[in-house]
């Protein structure tokens, strides 16, 4: 029997971390956004009362915005703190280092 999409990847990871069944919020940001954009859009997402919030962070902060590490970390921490305050488990994924903005 073929597994459902929801049984793979970050959803399975989030369920394992939070204890299934759970409500998982993942990939709610618009492509090309940065961590400040994510924080600005977090409240409507948290209104769904997720148990786990999964987000990939960092690439656009570094390559699109060229933010310093200190600024980027502070920006990301705001979202983590808000997610915890809302009672959800934050699962933040990073991407491997890239040599420049065109390599994947």
PDB file of N, CA and C in Angstrom:
ATOM      1  N   UNK A   1       0.840  -1.174   0.000  1.00  0.00           N
ATOM      2  CA  UNK A   1       0.000   0.000   0.000  1.00  0.00           C
ATOM      3  C   UNK A   1       0.890   1.243   0.000  1.00  0.00           C
ATOM      4  N   UNK A   2       0.581   2.183  -0.857  1.00  0.00           N
ATOM      5  CA  UNK A   2       1.366   3.408  -0.945  1.00  0.00           C
ATOM      6  C   UNK A   2       1.088   4.296   0.267  1.00  0.00           C
ATOM      7  N   UNK A   3       2.150   4.867   0.803  1.00  0.00           N
ATOM      8  CA  UNK A   3       1.993   5.752   1.951  1.00  0.00           C
ATOM      9  C   UNK A   3       1.460   7.103   1.510  1.00  0.00           C
ATOM     10  N   UNK A   4       0.683   7.705   2.354  1.00  0.00           N
ATOM     11  CA  UNK A   4       0.156   9.041   2.074  1.00  0.00           C
ATOM     12  C   UNK A   4       1.276  10.057   2.221  1.00  0.00           C
ATOM     13  N   UNK A   5       1.190  11.162   1.478  1.00  0.00           N
ATOM     14  CA  UNK A   5       2.197  12.211   1.550  1.00  0.00           C
ATOM     15  C   UNK A   5       2.405  12.706   2.979  1.00  0.00           C
ATOM     16  N   UNK A   6       1.320  12.757   3.764  1.00  0.00           N
ATOM     17  CA  UNK A   6       1.425  13.276   5.123  1.00  0.00           C
ATOM     18  C   UNK A   6       2.214  12.354   6.049  1.00  0.00           C
ATOM     19  N   UNK A   7       2.544  11.159   5.596  1.00  0.00           N
ATOM     20  CA  UNK A   7       3.311  10.232   6.419  1.00  0.00           C
ATOM     21  C   UNK A   7       4.808  10.303   6.148  1.00  0.00           C
ATOM     22  N   UNK A   8       5.236  11.259   5.360  1.00  0.00           N
ATOM     23  CA  UNK A   8       6.649  11.358   4.997  1.00  0.00           C
ATOM     24  C   UNK A   8       7.225  12.702   5.391  1.00  0.00           C
ATOM     25  N   UNK A   9       8.526  12.797   5.377  1.00  0.00           N
ATOM     26  CA  UNK A   9       9.225  14.074   5.507  1.00  0.00           C
ATOM     27  C   UNK A   9       9.015  14.778   6.834  1.00  0.00           C
ATOM     28  N   UNK A  10       8.910  16.105   6.754  1.00  0.00           N
ATOM     29  CA  UNK A  10       8.850  16.911   7.963  1.00  0.00           C
ATOM     30  C   UNK A  10       7.583  16.660   8.766  1.00  0.00           C
ATOM     31  N   UNK A  11       6.513  16.229   8.119  1.00  0.00           N
ATOM     32  CA  UNK A  11       5.284  15.943   8.866  1.00  0.00           C
ATOM     33  C   UNK A  11       5.525  14.766   9.809  1.00  0.00           C
ATOM     34  N   UNK A  12       6.169  13.728   9.336  1.00  0.00           N
ATOM     35  CA  UNK A  12       6.481  12.586  10.191  1.00  0.00           C
ATOM     36  C   UNK A  12       7.416  13.007  11.322  1.00  0.00           C
ATOM     37  N   UNK A  13       8.394  13.844  11.014  1.00  0.00           N
ATOM     38  CA  UNK A  13       9.306  14.350  12.034  1.00  0.00           C
ATOM     39  C   UNK A  13       8.545  15.143  13.090  1.00  0.00           C
ATOM     40  N   UNK A  14       7.670  16.016  12.652  1.00  0.00           N
ATOM     41  CA  UNK A  14       6.905  16.842  13.583  1.00  0.00           C
ATOM     42  C   UNK A  14       6.009  15.984  14.463  1.00  0.00           C
ATOM     43  N   UNK A  15       5.357  14.986  13.882  1.00  0.00           N
ATOM     44  CA  UNK A  15       4.506  14.094  14.671  1.00  0.00           C
ATOM     45  C   UNK A  15       5.327  13.357  15.729  1.00  0.00           C
ATOM     46  N   UNK A  16       6.507  12.932  15.347  1.00  0.00           N
ATOM     47  CA  UNK A  16       7.361  12.221  16.297  1.00  0.00           C
ATOM     48  C   UNK A  16       7.780  13.132  17.440  1.00  0.00           C
ATOM     49  N   UNK A  17       8.039  14.380  17.155  1.00  0.00           N
ATOM     50  CA  UNK A  17       8.459  15.311  18.191  1.00  0.00           C
ATOM     51  C   UNK A  17       7.322  15.726  19.103  1.00  0.00           C
ATOM     52  N   UNK A  18       6.128  15.866  18.566  1.00  0.00           N
ATOM     53  CA  UNK A  18       5.006  16.385  19.342  1.00  0.00           C
ATOM     54  C   UNK A  18       4.128  15.289  19.915  1.00  0.00           C
ATOM     55  N   UNK A  19       4.204  14.102  19.381  1.00  0.00           N
ATOM     56  CA  UNK A  19       3.310  13.033  19.812  1.00  0.00           C
ATOM     57  C   UNK A  19       2.032  13.068  18.993  1.00  0.00           C
ATOM     58  N   UNK A  20       1.864  12.128  18.084  1.00  0.00           N
ATOM     59  CA  UNK A  20       0.700  12.106  17.193  1.00  0.00           C
ATOM     60  C   UNK A  20      -0.542  11.722  17.968  1.00  0.00           C
ATOM     61  N   UNK A  21      -1.730  12.071  17.594  1.00  0.00           N
ATOM     62  CA  UNK A  21      -2.009  12.971  16.477  1.00  0.00           C
ATOM     63  C   UNK A  21      -1.753  14.424  16.864  1.00  0.00           C
ATOM     64  N   UNK A  22      -1.378  15.200  15.889  1.00  0.00           N
ATOM     65  CA  UNK A  22      -1.101  16.605  16.165  1.00  0.00           C
ATOM     66  C   UNK A  22      -1.402  17.440  14.930  1.00  0.00           C
ATOM     67  N   UNK A  23      -1.544  18.724  15.155  1.00  0.00           N
ATOM     68  CA  UNK A  23      -1.750  19.666  14.067  1.00  0.00           C
ATOM     69  C   UNK A  23      -0.395  20.274  13.741  1.00  0.00           C
ATOM     70  N   UNK A  24       0.021  20.120  12.482  1.00  0.00           N
ATOM     71  CA  UNK A  24       1.328  20.580  12.048  1.00  0.00           C
ATOM     72  C   UNK A  24       1.160  21.708  11.045  1.00  0.00           C
ATOM     73  N   UNK A  25       1.905  22.760  11.244  1.00  0.00           N
ATOM     74  CA  UNK A  25       1.909  23.886  10.322  1.00  0.00           C
ATOM     75  C   UNK A  25       3.277  23.934   9.677  1.00  0.00           C
ATOM     76  N   UNK A  26       3.343  23.795   8.366  1.00  0.00           N
ATOM     77  CA  UNK A  26       4.633  23.772   7.678  1.00  0.00           C
ATOM     78  C   UNK A  26       4.538  24.520   6.363  1.00  0.00           C
ATOM     79  N   UNK A  27       5.621  25.142   5.984  1.00  0.00           N
ATOM     80  CA  UNK A  27       5.730  25.822   4.693  1.00  0.00           C
ATOM     81  C   UNK A  27       4.631  26.844   4.471  1.00  0.00           C
ATOM     82  N   UNK A  28       4.376  27.677   5.460  1.00  0.00           N
ATOM     83  CA  UNK A  28       3.321  28.672   5.313  1.00  0.00           C
ATOM     84  C   UNK A  28       3.842  29.988   4.773  1.00  0.00           C
ATOM     85  N   UNK A  29       5.132  30.148   4.670  1.00  0.00           N
ATOM     86  CA  UNK A  29       5.697  31.405   4.173  1.00  0.00           C
ATOM     87  C   UNK A  29       5.722  31.408   2.645  1.00  0.00           C
ATOM     88  N   UNK A  30       5.705  32.575   2.101  1.00  0.00           N
ATOM     89  CA  UNK A  30       5.788  32.748   0.658  1.00  0.00           C
ATOM     90  C   UNK A  30       7.240  32.591   0.240  1.00  0.00           C
ATOM     91  N   UNK A  31       7.480  31.905  -0.875  1.00  0.00           N
ATOM     92  CA  UNK A  31       8.830  31.752  -1.371  1.00  0.00           C
ATOM     93  C   UNK A  31       9.506  33.097  -1.547  1.00  0.00           C
ATOM     94  N   UNK A  32      10.754  33.165  -1.158  1.00  0.00           N
ATOM     95  CA  UNK A  32      11.508  34.400  -1.258  1.00  0.00           C
ATOM     96  C   UNK A  32      11.419  35.272  -0.024  1.00  0.00           C
ATOM     97  N   UNK A  33      10.673  34.820   0.978  1.00  0.00           N
ATOM     98  CA  UNK A  33      10.563  35.630   2.188  1.00  0.00           C
ATOM     99  C   UNK A  33      11.753  35.369   3.105  1.00  0.00           C
ATOM    100  N   UNK A  34      11.900  36.238   4.084  1.00  0.00           N
ATOM    101  CA  UNK A  34      12.990  36.107   5.042  1.00  0.00           C
ATOM    102  C   UNK A  34      12.393  35.952   6.437  1.00  0.00           C
ATOM    103  N   UNK A  35      13.237  35.912   7.443  1.00  0.00           N
ATOM    104  CA  UNK A  35      12.728  35.652   8.793  1.00  0.00           C
ATOM    105  C   UNK A  35      11.900  36.812   9.340  1.00  0.00           C
ATOM    106  N   UNK A  36      12.153  38.040   8.922  1.00  0.00           N
ATOM    107  CA  UNK A  36      11.284  39.152   9.327  1.00  0.00           C
ATOM    108  C   UNK A  36       9.886  38.978   8.721  1.00  0.00           C
ATOM    109  N   UNK A  37       9.834  38.564   7.447  1.00  0.00           N
ATOM    110  CA  UNK A  37       8.545  38.304   6.792  1.00  0.00           C
ATOM    111  C   UNK A  37       7.795  37.178   7.508  1.00  0.00           C
ATOM    112  N   UNK A  38       8.531  36.149   7.900  1.00  0.00           N
ATOM    113  CA  UNK A  38       7.896  35.031   8.581  1.00  0.00           C
ATOM    114  C   UNK A  38       7.265  35.500   9.887  1.00  0.00           C
ATOM    115  N   UNK A  39       7.987  36.310  10.660  1.00  0.00           N
ATOM    116  CA  UNK A  39       7.441  36.802  11.923  1.00  0.00           C
ATOM    117  C   UNK A  39       6.191  37.640  11.672  1.00  0.00           C
ATOM    118  N   UNK A  40       6.212  38.461  10.630  1.00  0.00           N
ATOM    119  CA  UNK A  40       5.066  39.317  10.316  1.00  0.00           C
ATOM    120  C   UNK A  40       3.824  38.497   9.970  1.00  0.00           C
ATOM    121  N   UNK A  41       4.014  37.301   9.431  1.00  0.00           N
ATOM    122  CA  UNK A  41       2.896  36.447   9.027  1.00  0.00           C
ATOM    123  C   UNK A  41       2.588  35.341  10.030  1.00  0.00           C
ATOM    124  N   UNK A  42       3.216  35.364  11.174  1.00  0.00           N
ATOM    125  CA  UNK A  42       3.095  34.265  12.122  1.00  0.00           C
ATOM    126  C   UNK A  42       1.758  34.233  12.862  1.00  0.00           C
ATOM    127  N   UNK A  43       1.218  35.380  13.215  1.00  0.00           N
ATOM    128  CA  UNK A  43      -0.008  35.396  14.028  1.00  0.00           C
ATOM    129  C   UNK A  43      -1.187  34.678  13.375  1.00  0.00           C
ATOM    130  N   UNK A  44      -1.487  34.935  12.106  1.00  0.00           N
ATOM    131  CA  UNK A  44      -2.598  34.178  11.501  1.00  0.00           C
ATOM    132  C   UNK A  44      -2.333  32.669  11.489  1.00  0.00           C
ATOM    133  N   UNK A  45      -1.079  32.285  11.319  1.00  0.00           N
ATOM    134  CA  UNK A  45      -0.741  30.865  11.335  1.00  0.00           C
ATOM    135  C   UNK A  45      -0.930  30.277  12.725  1.00  0.00           C
ATOM    136  N   UNK A  46      -0.526  31.008  13.759  1.00  0.00           N
ATOM    137  CA  UNK A  46      -0.675  30.524  15.126  1.00  0.00           C
ATOM    138  C   UNK A  46      -2.139  30.479  15.557  1.00  0.00           C
ATOM    139  N   UNK A  47      -2.985  31.251  14.893  1.00  0.00           N
ATOM    140  CA  UNK A  47      -4.418  31.214  15.200  1.00  0.00           C
ATOM    141  C   UNK A  47      -5.013  29.836  14.898  1.00  0.00           C
ATOM    142  N   UNK A  48      -4.334  29.059  14.072  1.00  0.00           N
ATOM    143  CA  UNK A  48      -4.771  27.694  13.770  1.00  0.00           C
ATOM    144  C   UNK A  48      -4.451  26.731  14.911  1.00  0.00           C
ATOM    145  N   UNK A  49      -3.760  27.216  15.924  1.00  0.00           N
ATOM    146  CA  UNK A  49      -3.384  26.443  17.108  1.00  0.00           C
ATOM    147  C   UNK A  49      -2.613  25.163  16.766  1.00  0.00           C
ATOM    148  N   UNK A  50      -1.515  25.302  16.032  1.00  0.00           N
ATOM    149  CA  UNK A  50      -0.728  24.106  15.711  1.00  0.00           C
ATOM    150  C   UNK A  50      -0.003  23.582  16.945  1.00  0.00           C
ATOM    151  N   UNK A  51       0.277  22.294  16.933  1.00  0.00           N
ATOM    152  CA  UNK A  51       1.107  21.694  17.965  1.00  0.00           C
ATOM    153  C   UNK A  51       2.582  21.864  17.614  1.00  0.00           C
ATOM    154  N   UNK A  52       2.862  21.870  16.312  1.00  0.00           N
ATOM    155  CA  UNK A  52       4.226  21.968  15.805  1.00  0.00           C
ATOM    156  C   UNK A  52       4.240  22.951  14.646  1.00  0.00           C
ATOM    157  N   UNK A  53       5.269  23.787  14.594  1.00  0.00           N
ATOM    158  CA  UNK A  53       5.485  24.680  13.461  1.00  0.00           C
ATOM    159  C   UNK A  53       6.834  24.322  12.853  1.00  0.00           C
ATOM    160  N   UNK A  54       6.830  23.957  11.572  1.00  0.00           N
ATOM    161  CA  UNK A  54       8.044  23.570  10.867  1.00  0.00           C
ATOM    162  C   UNK A  54       8.369  24.655   9.851  1.00  0.00           C
ATOM    163  N   UNK A  55       9.593  25.153   9.892  1.00  0.00           N
ATOM    164  CA  UNK A  55      10.000  26.202   8.950  1.00  0.00           C
ATOM    165  C   UNK A  55      11.440  25.982   8.518  1.00  0.00           C
ATOM    166  N   UNK A  56      11.737  26.322   7.265  1.00  0.00           N
ATOM    167  CA  UNK A  56      13.109  26.329   6.791  1.00  0.00           C
ATOM    168  C   UNK A  56      13.577  27.775   6.804  1.00  0.00           C
ATOM    169  N   UNK A  57      14.729  28.023   7.355  1.00  0.00           N
ATOM    170  CA  UNK A  57      15.184  29.388   7.567  1.00  0.00           C
ATOM    171  C   UNK A  57      16.607  29.603   7.096  1.00  0.00           C
ATOM    172  N   UNK A  58      16.940  30.853   6.866  1.00  0.00           N
ATOM    173  CA  UNK A  58      18.327  31.245   6.713  1.00  0.00           C
ATOM    174  C   UNK A  58      18.787  31.642   5.332  1.00  0.00           C
ATOM    175  N   UNK A  59      18.383  30.942   4.308  1.00  0.00           N
ATOM    176  CA  UNK A  59      18.934  31.205   2.975  1.00  0.00           C
ATOM    177  C   UNK A  59      18.653  32.622   2.505  1.00  0.00           C
ATOM    178  N   UNK A  60      17.408  33.057   2.574  1.00  0.00           N
ATOM    179  CA  UNK A  60      17.082  34.395   2.077  1.00  0.00           C
ATOM    180  C   UNK A  60      17.663  35.491   2.959  1.00  0.00           C
ATOM    181  N   UNK A  61      17.804  35.224   4.256  1.00  0.00           N
ATOM    182  CA  UNK A  61      18.459  36.202   5.126  1.00  0.00           C
ATOM    183  C   UNK A  61      19.884  36.462   4.652  1.00  0.00           C
ATOM    184  N   UNK A  62      20.563  35.395   4.279  1.00  0.00           N
ATOM    185  CA  UNK A  62      21.975  35.494   3.921  1.00  0.00           C
ATOM    186  C   UNK A  62      22.159  35.961   2.484  1.00  0.00           C
ATOM    187  N   UNK A  63      21.493  35.298   1.544  1.00  0.00           N
ATOM    188  CA  UNK A  63      21.771  35.567   0.136  1.00  0.00           C
ATOM    189  C   UNK A  63      20.948  36.706  -0.441  1.00  0.00           C
ATOM    190  N   UNK A  64      19.686  36.820  -0.096  1.00  0.00           N
ATOM    191  CA  UNK A  64      18.855  37.886  -0.656  1.00  0.00           C
ATOM    192  C   UNK A  64      19.030  39.197   0.095  1.00  0.00           C
ATOM    193  N   UNK A  65      19.164  39.123   1.405  1.00  0.00           N
ATOM    194  CA  UNK A  65      19.244  40.334   2.222  1.00  0.00           C
ATOM    195  C   UNK A  65      20.660  40.690   2.665  1.00  0.00           C
ATOM    196  N   UNK A  66      21.560  39.732   2.659  1.00  0.00           N
ATOM    197  CA  UNK A  66      22.938  39.925   3.115  1.00  0.00           C
ATOM    198  C   UNK A  66      22.983  40.463   4.543  1.00  0.00           C
ATOM    199  N   UNK A  67      22.081  39.945   5.393  1.00  0.00           N
ATOM    200  CA  UNK A  67      22.058  40.364   6.788  1.00  0.00           C
ATOM    201  C   UNK A  67      23.246  39.784   7.541  1.00  0.00           C
ATOM    202  N   UNK A  68      23.639  40.475   8.597  1.00  0.00           N
ATOM    203  CA  UNK A  68      24.683  39.944   9.465  1.00  0.00           C
ATOM    204  C   UNK A  68      24.124  38.744  10.230  1.00  0.00           C
ATOM    205  N   UNK A  69      25.017  37.920  10.734  1.00  0.00           N
ATOM    206  CA  UNK A  69      24.586  36.763  11.524  1.00  0.00           C
ATOM    207  C   UNK A  69      23.823  37.221  12.759  1.00  0.00           C
ATOM    208  N   UNK A  70      24.294  38.273  13.416  1.00  0.00           N
ATOM    209  CA  UNK A  70      23.616  38.752  14.627  1.00  0.00           C
ATOM    210  C   UNK A  70      22.181  39.180  14.330  1.00  0.00           C
ATOM    211  N   UNK A  71      21.975  39.922  13.249  1.00  0.00           N
ATOM    212  CA  UNK A  71      20.622  40.358  12.913  1.00  0.00           C
ATOM    213  C   UNK A  71      19.742  39.169  12.544  1.00  0.00           C
ATOM    214  N   UNK A  72      20.283  38.279  11.738  1.00  0.00           N
ATOM    215  CA  UNK A  72      19.518  37.120  11.293  1.00  0.00           C
ATOM    216  C   UNK A  72      19.100  36.251  12.475  1.00  0.00           C
ATOM    217  N   UNK A  73      20.018  35.996  13.391  1.00  0.00           N
ATOM    218  CA  UNK A  73      19.717  35.173  14.562  1.00  0.00           C
ATOM    219  C   UNK A  73      18.646  35.842  15.421  1.00  0.00           C
ATOM    220  N   UNK A  74      18.769  37.140  15.647  1.00  0.00           N
ATOM    221  CA  UNK A  74      17.762  37.859  16.448  1.00  0.00           C
ATOM    222  C   UNK A  74      16.397  37.815  15.783  1.00  0.00           C
ATOM    223  N   UNK A  75      16.360  37.935  14.471  1.00  0.00           N
ATOM    224  CA  UNK A  75      15.104  37.896  13.740  1.00  0.00           C
ATOM    225  C   UNK A  75      14.447  36.518  13.846  1.00  0.00           C
ATOM    226  N   UNK A  76      15.232  35.475  13.695  1.00  0.00           N
ATOM    227  CA  UNK A  76      14.725  34.110  13.794  1.00  0.00           C
ATOM    228  C   UNK A  76      14.265  33.816  15.225  1.00  0.00           C
ATOM    229  N   UNK A  77      15.020  34.278  16.205  1.00  0.00           N
ATOM    230  CA  UNK A  77      14.672  34.037  17.614  1.00  0.00           C
ATOM    231  C   UNK A  77      13.318  34.638  17.980  1.00  0.00           C
ATOM    232  N   UNK A  78      12.953  35.765  17.392  1.00  0.00           N
ATOM    233  CA  UNK A  78      11.630  36.349  17.652  1.00  0.00           C
ATOM    234  C   UNK A  78      10.522  35.355  17.298  1.00  0.00           C
ATOM    235  N   UNK A  79      10.658  34.705  16.159  1.00  0.00           N
ATOM    236  CA  UNK A  79       9.641  33.727  15.744  1.00  0.00           C
ATOM    237  C   UNK A  79       9.636  32.510  16.654  1.00  0.00           C
ATOM    238  N   UNK A  80      10.820  32.007  16.998  1.00  0.00           N
ATOM    239  CA  UNK A  80      10.896  30.849  17.889  1.00  0.00           C
ATOM    240  C   UNK A  80      10.236  31.170  19.226  1.00  0.00           C
ATOM    241  N   UNK A  81      10.562  32.330  19.780  1.00  0.00           N
ATOM    242  CA  UNK A  81       9.973  32.720  21.064  1.00  0.00           C
ATOM    243  C   UNK A  81       8.455  32.824  20.978  1.00  0.00           C
ATOM    244  N   UNK A  82       7.946  33.384  19.886  1.00  0.00           N
ATOM    245  CA  UNK A  82       6.497  33.541  19.735  1.00  0.00           C
ATOM    246  C   UNK A  82       5.807  32.188  19.579  1.00  0.00           C
ATOM    247  N   UNK A  83       6.423  31.274  18.842  1.00  0.00           N
ATOM    248  CA  UNK A  83       5.862  29.936  18.650  1.00  0.00           C
ATOM    249  C   UNK A  83       5.790  29.207  19.997  1.00  0.00           C
ATOM    250  N   UNK A  84       6.847  29.279  20.777  1.00  0.00           N
ATOM    251  CA  UNK A  84       6.865  28.650  22.103  1.00  0.00           C
ATOM    252  C   UNK A  84       5.807  29.289  22.997  1.00  0.00           C
ATOM    253  N   UNK A  85       5.705  30.608  22.963  1.00  0.00           N
ATOM    254  CA  UNK A  85       4.706  31.315  23.760  1.00  0.00           C
ATOM    255  C   UNK A  85       3.291  30.854  23.402  1.00  0.00           C
ATOM    256  N   UNK A  86       3.076  30.531  22.136  1.00  0.00           N
ATOM    257  CA  UNK A  86       1.761  30.065  21.679  1.00  0.00           C
ATOM    258  C   UNK A  86       1.505  28.603  22.037  1.00  0.00           C
ATOM    259  N   UNK A  87       2.501  27.932  22.597  1.00  0.00           N
ATOM    260  CA  UNK A  87       2.320  26.549  23.028  1.00  0.00           C
ATOM    261  C   UNK A  87       2.648  25.506  21.986  1.00  0.00           C
ATOM    262  N   UNK A  88       3.321  25.901  20.921  1.00  0.00           N
ATOM    263  CA  UNK A  88       3.693  24.950  19.868  1.00  0.00           C
ATOM    264  C   UNK A  88       5.186  24.633  19.955  1.00  0.00           C
ATOM    265  N   UNK A  89       5.563  23.553  19.314  1.00  0.00           N
ATOM    266  CA  UNK A  89       6.966  23.152  19.246  1.00  0.00           C
ATOM    267  C   UNK A  89       7.552  23.699  17.942  1.00  0.00           C
ATOM    268  N   UNK A  90       8.587  24.545  18.020  1.00  0.00           N
ATOM    269  CA  UNK A  90       9.214  25.014  16.790  1.00  0.00           C
ATOM    270  C   UNK A  90      10.232  23.991  16.275  1.00  0.00           C
ATOM    271  N   UNK A  91      10.153  23.681  15.001  1.00  0.00           N
ATOM    272  CA  UNK A  91      11.136  22.831  14.335  1.00  0.00           C
ATOM    273  C   UNK A  91      11.665  23.646  13.175  1.00  0.00           C
ATOM    274  N   UNK A  92      12.863  24.167  13.333  1.00  0.00           N
ATOM    275  CA  UNK A  92      13.445  25.024  12.307  1.00  0.00           C
ATOM    276  C   UNK A  92      14.564  24.272  11.617  1.00  0.00           C
ATOM    277  N   UNK A  93      14.473  24.176  10.310  1.00  0.00           N
ATOM    278  CA  UNK A  93      15.456  23.477   9.493  1.00  0.00           C
ATOM    279  C   UNK A  93      16.337  24.506   8.806  1.00  0.00           C
ATOM    280  N   UNK A  94      17.582  24.195   8.654  1.00  0.00           N
ATOM    281  CA  UNK A  94      18.484  25.074   7.911  1.00  0.00           C
ATOM    282  C   UNK A  94      18.940  24.350   6.664  1.00  0.00           C
ATOM    283  N   UNK A  95      19.520  25.097   5.780  1.00  0.00           N
ATOM    284  CA  UNK A  95      20.038  24.519   4.537  1.00  0.00           C
ATOM    285  C   UNK A  95      21.552  24.435   4.638  1.00  0.00           C
ATOM    286  N   UNK A  96      22.162  23.521   3.887  1.00  0.00           N
ATOM    287  CA  UNK A  96      23.616  23.441   3.929  1.00  0.00           C
ATOM    288  C   UNK A  96      24.239  24.712   3.370  1.00  0.00           C
ATOM    289  N   UNK A  97      25.441  25.031   3.793  1.00  0.00           N
ATOM    290  CA  UNK A  97      26.112  26.226   3.248  1.00  0.00           C
ATOM    291  C   UNK A  97      26.241  26.141   1.733  1.00  0.00           C
ATOM    292  N   UNK A  98      26.149  27.297   1.103  1.00  0.00           N
ATOM    293  CA  UNK A  98      26.309  27.380  -0.351  1.00  0.00           C
ATOM    294  C   UNK A  98      27.471  28.316  -0.642  1.00  0.00           C
ATOM    295  N   UNK A  99      28.153  28.064  -1.744  1.00  0.00           N
ATOM    296  CA  UNK A  99      29.318  28.896  -2.052  1.00  0.00           C
ATOM    297  C   UNK A  99      28.921  30.261  -2.581  1.00  0.00           C
ATOM    298  N   UNK A 100      27.754  30.352  -3.225  1.00  0.00           N
ATOM    299  CA  UNK A 100      27.251  31.653  -3.665  1.00  0.00           C
ATOM    300  C   UNK A 100      25.751  31.544  -3.877  1.00  0.00           C
ATOM    301  N   UNK A 101      25.129  32.625  -4.260  1.00  0.00           N
ATOM    302  CA  UNK A 101      23.671  32.664  -4.348  1.00  0.00           C
ATOM    303  C   UNK A 101      23.099  31.856  -5.512  1.00  0.00           C
ATOM    304  N   UNK A 102      23.951  31.368  -6.412  1.00  0.00           N
ATOM    305  CA  UNK A 102      23.431  30.639  -7.572  1.00  0.00           C
ATOM    306  C   UNK A 102      23.563  29.139  -7.430  1.00  0.00           C
ATOM    307  N   UNK A 103      24.398  28.668  -6.520  1.00  0.00           N
ATOM    308  CA  UNK A 103      24.577  27.222  -6.344  1.00  0.00           C
ATOM    309  C   UNK A 103      23.531  26.671  -5.417  1.00  0.00           C
ATOM    310  N   UNK A 104      23.129  25.431  -5.652  1.00  0.00           N
ATOM    311  CA  UNK A 104      22.179  24.806  -4.732  1.00  0.00           C
ATOM    312  C   UNK A 104      22.833  23.640  -4.038  1.00  0.00           C
TER     313      UNK A 104
END
